[in-house]
N, C-alpha and C. Protein backbone atom coordinates (compact mmCIF):
# COMPACT_ATOMS: atom_id res chain seq x y z
N MET A 1 85.90 103.86 95.89
CA MET A 1 85.76 102.42 95.92
C MET A 1 86.61 101.82 94.79
N HIS A 2 87.33 100.78 95.11
CA HIS A 2 88.20 100.15 94.13
C HIS A 2 87.41 99.17 93.27
N SER A 3 87.76 99.13 92.00
CA SER A 3 87.15 98.12 91.15
C SER A 3 88.12 96.95 91.09
N PRO A 4 87.64 95.76 90.74
CA PRO A 4 88.54 94.61 90.63
C PRO A 4 89.67 94.88 89.63
N ARG A 5 89.38 95.70 88.62
CA ARG A 5 90.42 96.00 87.63
C ARG A 5 91.54 96.85 88.23
N ASP A 6 91.24 97.66 89.26
CA ASP A 6 92.26 98.51 89.87
C ASP A 6 93.40 97.66 90.42
N HIS A 7 93.08 96.57 91.12
CA HIS A 7 94.11 95.71 91.68
C HIS A 7 94.93 95.03 90.59
N LYS A 8 94.28 94.64 89.54
CA LYS A 8 94.98 93.97 88.44
C LYS A 8 95.97 94.88 87.76
N LEU A 9 95.71 96.19 87.74
CA LEU A 9 96.61 97.11 87.07
C LEU A 9 98.00 97.04 87.68
N GLY A 10 98.09 97.10 89.01
CA GLY A 10 99.40 97.04 89.66
C GLY A 10 100.14 95.78 89.29
N ASN A 11 99.45 94.66 89.27
CA ASN A 11 100.09 93.40 88.89
C ASN A 11 100.54 93.41 87.44
N ARG A 12 99.70 93.94 86.53
CA ARG A 12 100.07 93.98 85.12
C ARG A 12 101.27 94.88 84.90
N VAL A 13 101.25 96.05 85.53
CA VAL A 13 102.35 96.99 85.35
C VAL A 13 103.63 96.42 85.93
N ALA A 14 103.55 95.85 87.11
CA ALA A 14 104.74 95.34 87.77
C ALA A 14 105.41 94.24 86.97
N HIS A 15 104.65 93.44 86.26
CA HIS A 15 105.22 92.31 85.56
C HIS A 15 105.50 92.56 84.07
N ARG A 16 105.39 93.78 83.66
CA ARG A 16 105.65 94.11 82.26
C ARG A 16 106.66 95.24 82.17
N ALA A 17 107.85 94.96 82.63
CA ALA A 17 108.89 95.99 82.73
C ALA A 17 109.17 96.67 81.39
N LYS A 18 109.07 95.94 80.30
CA LYS A 18 109.35 96.53 78.99
C LYS A 18 108.37 97.65 78.67
N ARG A 19 107.17 97.54 79.20
CA ARG A 19 106.15 98.55 78.92
C ARG A 19 106.25 99.76 79.86
N LEU A 20 107.04 99.64 80.90
CA LEU A 20 107.14 100.74 81.84
C LEU A 20 107.70 101.99 81.19
N SER A 21 108.63 101.82 80.28
CA SER A 21 109.20 103.00 79.62
C SER A 21 108.13 103.73 78.81
N ALA A 22 107.20 103.00 78.22
CA ALA A 22 106.12 103.65 77.47
C ALA A 22 105.21 104.43 78.42
N LEU A 23 104.93 103.86 79.59
CA LEU A 23 104.10 104.57 80.57
C LEU A 23 104.81 105.82 81.08
N ARG A 24 106.11 105.72 81.29
CA ARG A 24 106.88 106.86 81.81
C ARG A 24 106.88 108.02 80.80
N ARG A 25 106.88 107.71 79.52
CA ARG A 25 106.90 108.74 78.47
C ARG A 25 105.50 109.22 78.08
N TRP A 26 104.49 108.50 78.51
CA TRP A 26 103.12 108.79 78.11
C TRP A 26 102.72 110.21 78.51
N GLU A 27 102.00 110.87 77.61
CA GLU A 27 101.50 112.23 77.86
C GLU A 27 99.97 112.20 77.84
N TYR A 28 99.36 112.77 78.84
CA TYR A 28 97.91 112.85 78.93
C TYR A 28 97.37 113.68 77.77
N PRO A 29 96.33 113.31 77.07
CA PRO A 29 95.50 112.11 77.08
C PRO A 29 95.79 111.21 75.88
N THR A 30 97.02 111.14 75.47
CA THR A 30 97.41 110.40 74.28
C THR A 30 96.97 108.93 74.34
N VAL A 31 96.51 108.42 73.22
CA VAL A 31 96.24 106.99 73.10
C VAL A 31 97.50 106.36 72.53
N ASP A 32 98.10 105.48 73.31
CA ASP A 32 99.38 104.87 72.96
C ASP A 32 99.23 103.35 72.97
N ARG A 33 99.72 102.72 71.94
CA ARG A 33 99.58 101.26 71.77
C ARG A 33 100.16 100.50 72.96
N ALA A 34 101.36 100.86 73.41
CA ALA A 34 102.00 100.15 74.53
C ALA A 34 101.23 100.38 75.83
N VAL A 35 100.69 101.56 76.02
CA VAL A 35 99.93 101.87 77.23
C VAL A 35 98.59 101.13 77.20
N ILE A 36 97.99 101.01 76.03
CA ILE A 36 96.76 100.23 75.90
C ILE A 36 97.01 98.79 76.34
N ALA A 37 98.16 98.25 75.97
CA ALA A 37 98.48 96.87 76.33
C ALA A 37 98.57 96.70 77.85
N VAL A 38 99.11 97.69 78.55
CA VAL A 38 99.22 97.61 80.01
C VAL A 38 97.86 97.81 80.68
N THR A 39 97.02 98.64 80.08
CA THR A 39 95.71 98.93 80.67
C THR A 39 94.62 98.07 80.04
N GLU A 40 94.98 96.92 79.52
CA GLU A 40 94.07 96.06 78.79
C GLU A 40 92.74 95.89 79.51
N GLY A 41 91.69 95.94 78.74
CA GLY A 41 90.35 95.74 79.28
C GLY A 41 89.74 96.97 79.90
N ALA A 42 90.50 98.06 79.97
CA ALA A 42 89.95 99.28 80.57
C ALA A 42 89.00 99.96 79.58
N ASP A 43 87.91 100.51 80.12
CA ASP A 43 87.04 101.28 79.24
C ASP A 43 87.71 102.64 78.99
N GLU A 44 87.06 103.48 78.21
CA GLU A 44 87.67 104.74 77.80
C GLU A 44 88.07 105.61 78.99
N ASP A 45 87.20 105.73 79.99
CA ASP A 45 87.52 106.54 81.16
C ASP A 45 88.63 105.92 82.00
N ASP A 46 88.54 104.61 82.22
CA ASP A 46 89.56 103.94 83.02
C ASP A 46 90.92 103.94 82.34
N TYR A 47 90.96 103.94 81.02
CA TYR A 47 92.24 104.00 80.32
C TYR A 47 93.05 105.20 80.81
N LEU A 48 92.43 106.36 80.86
CA LEU A 48 93.14 107.57 81.28
C LEU A 48 93.54 107.49 82.76
N LEU A 49 92.66 106.98 83.60
CA LEU A 49 92.97 106.85 85.03
C LEU A 49 94.13 105.88 85.24
N TYR A 50 94.06 104.73 84.57
CA TYR A 50 95.11 103.72 84.72
C TYR A 50 96.42 104.21 84.13
N ALA A 51 96.36 104.94 83.04
CA ALA A 51 97.58 105.47 82.46
C ALA A 51 98.21 106.51 83.39
N LEU A 52 97.39 107.38 83.98
CA LEU A 52 97.91 108.36 84.95
C LEU A 52 98.55 107.65 86.15
N ALA A 53 97.84 106.69 86.72
CA ALA A 53 98.38 105.96 87.87
C ALA A 53 99.59 105.12 87.48
N GLY A 54 99.53 104.53 86.30
CA GLY A 54 100.67 103.73 85.82
C GLY A 54 101.91 104.59 85.62
N LYS A 55 101.72 105.78 85.10
CA LYS A 55 102.86 106.69 84.93
C LYS A 55 103.42 107.07 86.30
N ALA A 56 102.55 107.37 87.25
CA ALA A 56 103.01 107.68 88.61
C ALA A 56 103.78 106.50 89.19
N PHE A 57 103.26 105.29 88.98
CA PHE A 57 103.90 104.06 89.45
C PHE A 57 105.31 103.94 88.86
N THR A 58 105.45 104.18 87.56
CA THR A 58 106.76 104.03 86.92
C THR A 58 107.73 105.13 87.37
N ILE A 59 107.23 106.34 87.58
CA ILE A 59 108.11 107.41 88.05
C ILE A 59 108.64 107.05 89.44
N TRP A 60 107.76 106.60 90.33
CA TRP A 60 108.19 106.27 91.69
C TRP A 60 109.15 105.08 91.68
N HIS A 61 108.91 104.09 90.83
CA HIS A 61 109.74 102.88 90.80
C HIS A 61 111.02 103.03 89.99
N SER A 62 111.21 104.12 89.31
CA SER A 62 112.41 104.29 88.49
C SER A 62 113.66 104.11 89.34
N GLY A 63 114.52 103.18 88.91
CA GLY A 63 115.75 102.90 89.64
C GLY A 63 115.60 101.92 90.79
N ARG A 64 114.41 101.46 91.05
CA ARG A 64 114.18 100.49 92.12
C ARG A 64 114.04 99.09 91.52
N SER A 65 114.50 98.11 92.26
CA SER A 65 114.40 96.74 91.75
C SER A 65 113.17 96.02 92.30
N ASP A 66 112.69 96.42 93.48
CA ASP A 66 111.53 95.77 94.08
C ASP A 66 110.27 96.58 93.79
N VAL A 67 109.17 95.86 93.65
CA VAL A 67 107.88 96.49 93.42
C VAL A 67 107.25 96.79 94.78
N HIS A 68 106.78 98.03 94.95
CA HIS A 68 106.10 98.44 96.18
C HIS A 68 104.69 98.88 95.81
N TYR A 69 103.70 98.27 96.43
CA TYR A 69 102.31 98.59 96.14
C TYR A 69 101.76 99.67 97.05
N GLY A 70 102.51 100.06 98.06
CA GLY A 70 102.05 101.06 99.01
C GLY A 70 101.17 100.43 100.07
N LYS A 71 101.15 101.06 101.23
CA LYS A 71 100.32 100.57 102.34
C LYS A 71 98.87 100.93 102.06
N THR A 72 97.98 99.98 102.23
CA THR A 72 96.56 100.18 101.96
C THR A 72 96.06 101.48 102.60
N GLY A 73 95.41 102.29 101.78
CA GLY A 73 94.83 103.53 102.26
C GLY A 73 95.77 104.73 102.27
N THR A 74 97.07 104.50 101.99
CA THR A 74 98.01 105.62 101.98
C THR A 74 97.79 106.44 100.72
N GLY A 75 97.27 107.63 100.92
CA GLY A 75 96.97 108.50 99.79
C GLY A 75 98.18 109.32 99.38
N LEU A 76 97.98 110.08 98.35
CA LEU A 76 99.04 110.91 97.79
C LEU A 76 99.52 111.96 98.80
N GLY A 77 98.60 112.56 99.53
CA GLY A 77 98.98 113.56 100.53
C GLY A 77 99.87 112.98 101.61
N ARG A 78 99.57 111.77 102.06
CA ARG A 78 100.39 111.10 103.08
C ARG A 78 101.79 110.81 102.53
N ALA A 79 101.87 110.37 101.29
CA ALA A 79 103.18 110.12 100.68
C ALA A 79 103.98 111.41 100.59
N MET A 80 103.30 112.53 100.32
CA MET A 80 103.97 113.82 100.20
C MET A 80 104.49 114.33 101.54
N ARG A 81 103.95 113.86 102.65
CA ARG A 81 104.45 114.25 103.98
C ARG A 81 105.91 113.85 104.17
N GLN A 82 106.38 112.90 103.40
CA GLN A 82 107.76 112.42 103.54
C GLN A 82 108.77 113.35 102.87
N LEU A 83 108.30 114.29 102.06
CA LEU A 83 109.22 115.20 101.36
C LEU A 83 109.90 116.13 102.35
N GLY A 84 111.14 116.42 102.09
CA GLY A 84 111.87 117.36 102.92
C GLY A 84 113.15 116.75 103.47
N ARG A 85 113.57 117.27 104.60
CA ARG A 85 114.79 116.80 105.26
C ARG A 85 114.54 116.75 106.76
N ALA A 86 115.45 116.17 107.50
CA ALA A 86 115.29 116.02 108.94
C ALA A 86 114.88 117.35 109.58
N GLY A 87 113.81 117.32 110.33
CA GLY A 87 113.32 118.51 111.01
C GLY A 87 112.43 119.40 110.16
N ALA A 88 112.34 119.10 108.88
CA ALA A 88 111.52 119.94 107.98
C ALA A 88 110.85 119.07 106.92
N TYR A 89 110.04 118.14 107.37
CA TYR A 89 109.31 117.28 106.45
C TYR A 89 107.92 117.82 106.19
N GLY A 90 107.35 117.41 105.07
CA GLY A 90 105.97 117.73 104.76
C GLY A 90 105.65 119.20 104.85
N PRO A 91 104.71 119.59 105.71
CA PRO A 91 104.27 120.98 105.80
C PRO A 91 105.39 121.96 106.16
N ARG A 92 106.48 121.47 106.70
CA ARG A 92 107.60 122.34 107.06
C ARG A 92 108.60 122.52 105.93
N ASP A 93 108.35 121.87 104.81
CA ASP A 93 109.26 121.94 103.66
C ASP A 93 108.63 122.79 102.55
N PRO A 94 109.27 123.89 102.16
CA PRO A 94 108.69 124.76 101.13
C PRO A 94 108.44 124.05 99.80
N ARG A 95 109.34 123.15 99.42
CA ARG A 95 109.16 122.42 98.15
C ARG A 95 107.91 121.53 98.22
N ALA A 96 107.71 120.88 99.35
CA ALA A 96 106.54 120.03 99.52
C ALA A 96 105.27 120.88 99.50
N GLU A 97 105.32 122.04 100.14
CA GLU A 97 104.17 122.96 100.14
C GLU A 97 103.82 123.40 98.72
N ARG A 98 104.84 123.73 97.93
CA ARG A 98 104.59 124.16 96.54
C ARG A 98 104.01 123.02 95.72
N ALA A 99 104.54 121.82 95.92
CA ALA A 99 104.03 120.65 95.18
C ALA A 99 102.56 120.40 95.53
N LEU A 100 102.23 120.50 96.82
CA LEU A 100 100.84 120.31 97.23
C LEU A 100 99.94 121.39 96.63
N ALA A 101 100.41 122.65 96.66
CA ALA A 101 99.61 123.74 96.11
C ALA A 101 99.33 123.51 94.63
N THR A 102 100.34 123.08 93.89
CA THR A 102 100.16 122.80 92.46
C THR A 102 99.13 121.70 92.25
N LEU A 103 99.22 120.66 93.06
CA LEU A 103 98.28 119.54 92.96
C LEU A 103 96.86 119.98 93.29
N LEU A 104 96.70 120.70 94.39
CA LEU A 104 95.36 121.10 94.82
C LEU A 104 94.76 122.17 93.92
N ASP A 105 95.60 122.98 93.28
CA ASP A 105 95.11 124.04 92.39
C ASP A 105 94.76 123.54 90.99
N ALA A 106 95.17 122.32 90.66
CA ALA A 106 94.88 121.78 89.32
C ALA A 106 93.37 121.79 89.11
N ASP A 107 92.95 122.45 88.03
CA ASP A 107 91.52 122.59 87.77
C ASP A 107 91.07 121.96 86.46
N THR A 108 92.01 121.36 85.74
CA THR A 108 91.69 120.63 84.52
C THR A 108 92.45 119.31 84.54
N PRO A 109 91.98 118.32 83.81
CA PRO A 109 92.72 117.05 83.75
C PRO A 109 94.16 117.23 83.27
N HIS A 110 94.40 118.14 82.32
CA HIS A 110 95.77 118.36 81.85
C HIS A 110 96.65 118.91 82.96
N ARG A 111 96.11 119.84 83.74
CA ARG A 111 96.89 120.41 84.86
C ARG A 111 97.10 119.37 85.95
N LEU A 112 96.10 118.53 86.18
CA LEU A 112 96.27 117.47 87.16
C LEU A 112 97.39 116.52 86.71
N ALA A 113 97.38 116.15 85.43
CA ALA A 113 98.41 115.24 84.92
C ALA A 113 99.80 115.85 85.10
N ALA A 114 99.95 117.13 84.78
CA ALA A 114 101.25 117.80 84.93
C ALA A 114 101.64 117.88 86.41
N ALA A 115 100.68 118.20 87.28
CA ALA A 115 100.97 118.27 88.71
C ALA A 115 101.35 116.90 89.25
N LEU A 116 100.66 115.87 88.81
CA LEU A 116 100.95 114.51 89.27
C LEU A 116 102.35 114.09 88.84
N ASP A 117 102.75 114.43 87.62
CA ASP A 117 104.12 114.14 87.17
C ASP A 117 105.14 114.80 88.08
N SER A 118 104.90 116.07 88.40
CA SER A 118 105.81 116.84 89.25
C SER A 118 105.86 116.27 90.66
N VAL A 119 104.70 115.98 91.22
CA VAL A 119 104.63 115.42 92.56
C VAL A 119 105.33 114.06 92.61
N MET A 120 105.08 113.22 91.63
CA MET A 120 105.70 111.90 91.64
C MET A 120 107.21 111.98 91.47
N ALA A 121 107.70 112.94 90.69
CA ALA A 121 109.14 113.12 90.57
C ALA A 121 109.74 113.46 91.94
N ALA A 122 109.03 114.30 92.71
CA ALA A 122 109.51 114.66 94.04
C ALA A 122 109.38 113.47 95.00
N VAL A 123 108.25 112.79 94.96
CA VAL A 123 107.99 111.68 95.87
C VAL A 123 108.84 110.45 95.52
N SER A 124 109.38 110.40 94.33
CA SER A 124 110.18 109.23 93.94
C SER A 124 111.39 109.05 94.85
N GLY A 125 111.80 110.09 95.55
CA GLY A 125 112.94 109.99 96.45
C GLY A 125 112.59 109.56 97.86
N VAL A 126 111.32 109.30 98.15
CA VAL A 126 110.92 108.91 99.50
C VAL A 126 110.80 107.40 99.60
N ASP A 127 110.73 106.91 100.83
CA ASP A 127 110.74 105.47 101.06
C ASP A 127 109.42 104.76 100.81
N HIS A 128 108.31 105.48 100.98
CA HIS A 128 107.01 104.82 100.91
C HIS A 128 106.12 105.50 99.88
N PRO A 129 105.69 104.75 98.86
CA PRO A 129 104.82 105.34 97.84
C PRO A 129 103.38 105.44 98.33
N PRO A 130 102.56 106.16 97.57
CA PRO A 130 101.13 106.06 97.87
C PRO A 130 100.67 104.65 97.53
N HIS A 131 99.54 104.27 98.06
CA HIS A 131 98.94 103.00 97.70
C HIS A 131 98.34 103.19 96.32
N TRP A 132 98.76 102.39 95.37
CA TRP A 132 98.40 102.63 93.97
C TRP A 132 96.91 102.47 93.72
N GLU A 133 96.27 101.50 94.37
CA GLU A 133 94.82 101.36 94.20
C GLU A 133 94.09 102.58 94.76
N THR A 134 94.59 103.11 95.88
CA THR A 134 94.00 104.31 96.46
C THR A 134 94.17 105.48 95.51
N LEU A 135 95.33 105.58 94.86
CA LEU A 135 95.55 106.65 93.90
C LEU A 135 94.56 106.55 92.74
N ILE A 136 94.34 105.36 92.23
CA ILE A 136 93.39 105.17 91.14
C ILE A 136 91.99 105.62 91.59
N SER A 137 91.60 105.22 92.79
CA SER A 137 90.29 105.60 93.32
C SER A 137 90.19 107.13 93.45
N ASP A 138 91.26 107.75 93.97
CA ASP A 138 91.26 109.21 94.10
C ASP A 138 91.19 109.89 92.74
N LEU A 139 91.92 109.37 91.77
CA LEU A 139 91.88 109.96 90.42
C LEU A 139 90.50 109.81 89.81
N ARG A 140 89.86 108.68 90.04
CA ARG A 140 88.50 108.46 89.53
C ARG A 140 87.56 109.51 90.15
N ASP A 141 87.69 109.71 91.46
CA ASP A 141 86.85 110.71 92.13
C ASP A 141 87.19 112.11 91.64
N TRP A 142 88.47 112.43 91.46
CA TRP A 142 88.87 113.76 91.01
C TRP A 142 88.24 114.09 89.66
N HIS A 143 88.16 113.10 88.78
CA HIS A 143 87.59 113.32 87.45
C HIS A 143 86.07 113.51 87.47
N ASN A 144 85.44 113.26 88.60
CA ASN A 144 84.02 113.54 88.76
C ASN A 144 83.92 114.91 89.42
N PRO A 145 83.45 115.93 88.69
CA PRO A 145 83.42 117.30 89.24
C PRO A 145 82.69 117.42 90.58
N THR A 146 81.73 116.56 90.85
CA THR A 146 81.01 116.66 92.12
C THR A 146 81.83 116.12 93.29
N ARG A 147 82.88 115.35 93.01
CA ARG A 147 83.72 114.79 94.08
C ARG A 147 85.14 115.38 94.10
N ARG A 148 85.45 116.23 93.16
CA ARG A 148 86.81 116.77 93.02
C ARG A 148 87.29 117.47 94.30
N ASP A 149 86.46 118.31 94.87
CA ASP A 149 86.88 119.02 96.08
C ASP A 149 87.08 118.07 97.26
N GLN A 150 86.34 116.98 97.30
CA GLN A 150 86.54 115.98 98.35
C GLN A 150 87.94 115.37 98.25
N VAL A 151 88.38 115.12 97.02
CA VAL A 151 89.72 114.56 96.81
C VAL A 151 90.77 115.58 97.21
N ARG A 152 90.59 116.83 96.81
CA ARG A 152 91.54 117.88 97.19
C ARG A 152 91.63 117.99 98.71
N LEU A 153 90.48 117.98 99.37
CA LEU A 153 90.45 118.05 100.83
C LEU A 153 91.18 116.85 101.43
N ARG A 154 90.90 115.68 100.92
CA ARG A 154 91.53 114.45 101.43
C ARG A 154 93.05 114.53 101.29
N TRP A 155 93.55 114.93 100.11
CA TRP A 155 95.00 115.03 99.91
C TRP A 155 95.60 116.07 100.85
N GLY A 156 94.92 117.21 101.00
CA GLY A 156 95.41 118.25 101.90
C GLY A 156 95.43 117.79 103.35
N GLN A 157 94.38 117.13 103.79
CA GLN A 157 94.34 116.63 105.16
C GLN A 157 95.39 115.57 105.40
N GLN A 158 95.62 114.71 104.43
CA GLN A 158 96.66 113.69 104.57
C GLN A 158 98.04 114.35 104.72
N PHE A 159 98.24 115.41 103.99
CA PHE A 159 99.52 116.11 104.01
C PHE A 159 99.74 116.83 105.34
N TYR A 160 98.72 117.51 105.83
CA TYR A 160 98.86 118.34 107.03
C TYR A 160 98.64 117.59 108.34
N THR A 161 98.04 116.42 108.29
CA THR A 161 97.73 115.68 109.51
C THR A 161 98.77 114.60 109.74
N ALA A 162 99.45 114.72 110.88
CA ALA A 162 100.47 113.71 111.23
C ALA A 162 99.76 112.39 111.53
N PRO A 163 100.37 111.29 111.10
CA PRO A 163 99.76 110.00 111.43
C PRO A 163 99.83 109.78 112.95
N PRO A 164 98.90 109.04 113.49
CA PRO A 164 98.93 108.79 114.94
C PRO A 164 100.21 108.05 115.33
N LYS A 165 100.74 108.44 116.46
CA LYS A 165 101.94 107.76 116.97
C LYS A 165 101.51 106.41 117.53
N PRO A 166 102.36 105.40 117.31
CA PRO A 166 102.01 104.07 117.87
C PRO A 166 101.93 104.16 119.39
N THR A 167 100.95 103.52 119.94
CA THR A 167 100.81 103.52 121.39
C THR A 167 101.46 102.27 121.95
N GLU A 168 102.04 102.44 123.13
CA GLU A 168 102.64 101.28 123.79
C GLU A 168 101.58 100.61 124.65
N PRO A 169 101.61 99.31 124.65
CA PRO A 169 100.61 98.60 125.46
C PRO A 169 100.77 98.94 126.94
N THR A 170 99.65 99.07 127.63
CA THR A 170 99.70 99.31 129.06
C THR A 170 99.42 98.01 129.79
N ASP A 171 100.00 97.90 130.93
CA ASP A 171 99.81 96.66 131.71
C ASP A 171 98.59 96.72 132.56
């Protein structure tokens, strides 16, 4: 479930380009003055979630001039389906498979942060990012040990499940 602060994060990050470089360099779980400014008003737990998502946001947007918030509900696994080349996207691409394995195998917050950096570096070359609010929600759930496996399952299913093909209207 998204909190009202989750939506505000994307707006704050998008409009504070000078702070993006601080987010891009941020290392989990460092407390950084510039990152605090971008995550203003976040409590201690949300600071880390927003900083992780903000770093992912800056990695994906690096070199882009337009801000993309992602399609509502598009999770990290769905974004990773775009990795690869013609005829070998997502599950058919060994690099994408390795990135997913690293993400799903992360068993500590530090390993998750490192995996997320790696995944976002790979996904930065695709056309459609994850939905940033969805990523924050997933990260919040991942940090709750009772929901962690649900997030792993969700990311894996998004990666392996092709989106439904658009249907043509029938007369």
